[in-house]
Amino acid sequence: MIKVFKVGCIYILAGCFWISCNQQPSTSAVSVVPIPVATSLAGKEFFEPARSEKSQTKLDSNVQVAQKNFETSPSEENYIWLGRRLAYLSKYKEAIEIFTEGNEKYPDSYKLYRHRGHRYISTREFDEAIEDFNKAVVLMKDAPLEIEPDGQPNKINVPLSNTQFNVWYHLGLAYYLKWDFENAARAYEECMKVSDNDDLICATTDWLYMTYRRLGEKEKADALLEAITEEMEIIENDSYFERLMMYKGSRNPEAVLNIGPDNPDPDLALATQGYGVGNWYLYNQDTVKAISIYQQVVDGKHFSAFGFIAAEADLFWLENK
């Protein structure tokens, strides 16, 4: 199935080539050569994943609604949503183009920089991501905390994160993926200040813990775990919670790596929990086992997951540092 959607005054046909508004798409059969949506640090190409008909229809419909809203009013919000909806279809480059156009129209929008930076992480352009997030940090300095709407709602349909959290969190991640752990730690320490519920606390604690361990600061890392308890109310970040409990010694690493059949997204869980287990072995001086698990993660399907990208980055840097 060839999907056509309009952005501004152009049509995008399956993300592969452009047809101007003054041309009519051909009704004859078109042979479409898949174009990679991202390339790994090792040069592996990733393509838009296969989806169920129901999922594809929903994602396409969301893009159409976002496009219609954008055409009606090219506001900052509608630039953001059109870019986000394209990104959920794995059309990261098209999303980046929309965010970039929005940045030109709304140069003081830290939200547009936040979302473009996120998609630079998806395309493994970490330096560009860091630049965007640092711009967002400056622009959002005096802004009050603001809940960020979810594009993919959680199980209680209540957004849990705020924009400031997302800027610091993703900035820390971008530094972490470059193995710049000192700057990653500073970003995650700032992120902790705006982590105002159990889910956000878990997410930030997890990455800050891993960052401290990479810096050799085990005491600081272990101190973070004191706030992580079984009584926490976790809505979204179950995998991060499981990793943290493993670091505390309350979960067996192999049990965390074993994804249950009732998991709603086993590929994502493998990427997220698997990366944590790989780190557990790395911290315990079993680099061979860690690399084996990182490889298991990157052999999975969820190439946009942060655990996947982090495993990919570790394999790259372990070989090239």
Foldseek 3Di string as FASTA:
>chain_A
DWDWDDDDQWIQINVQDIDGNVDDPDPDDDDDDFDFLAAFPVGRGHGQDDDDPVVVVVLSVQLNVLRVVCVVPVDLVSLQSNLVSCVVSSNLVVSLVSLVVSCVVVVLDLLSLLVNLLSCVLRVVLVSSLVSLVSSCVSCVPPDWDFDQDPDAFPVRDGQHTPLLSSLLSNLLSCVLVVVLVVSLVSLVVSCVRRDALQSLLSSLLSNLLSCLSVVNNVVNVVSLVPQDPPGDHGPPPLSSQLSCVVVVNDDLVVQCDDDPPDPDVLLSNLRNLLSSLSVCVSVVNPVVSLVSLVVNCVGRCSSHSSVSSSSSCVVVVVPD
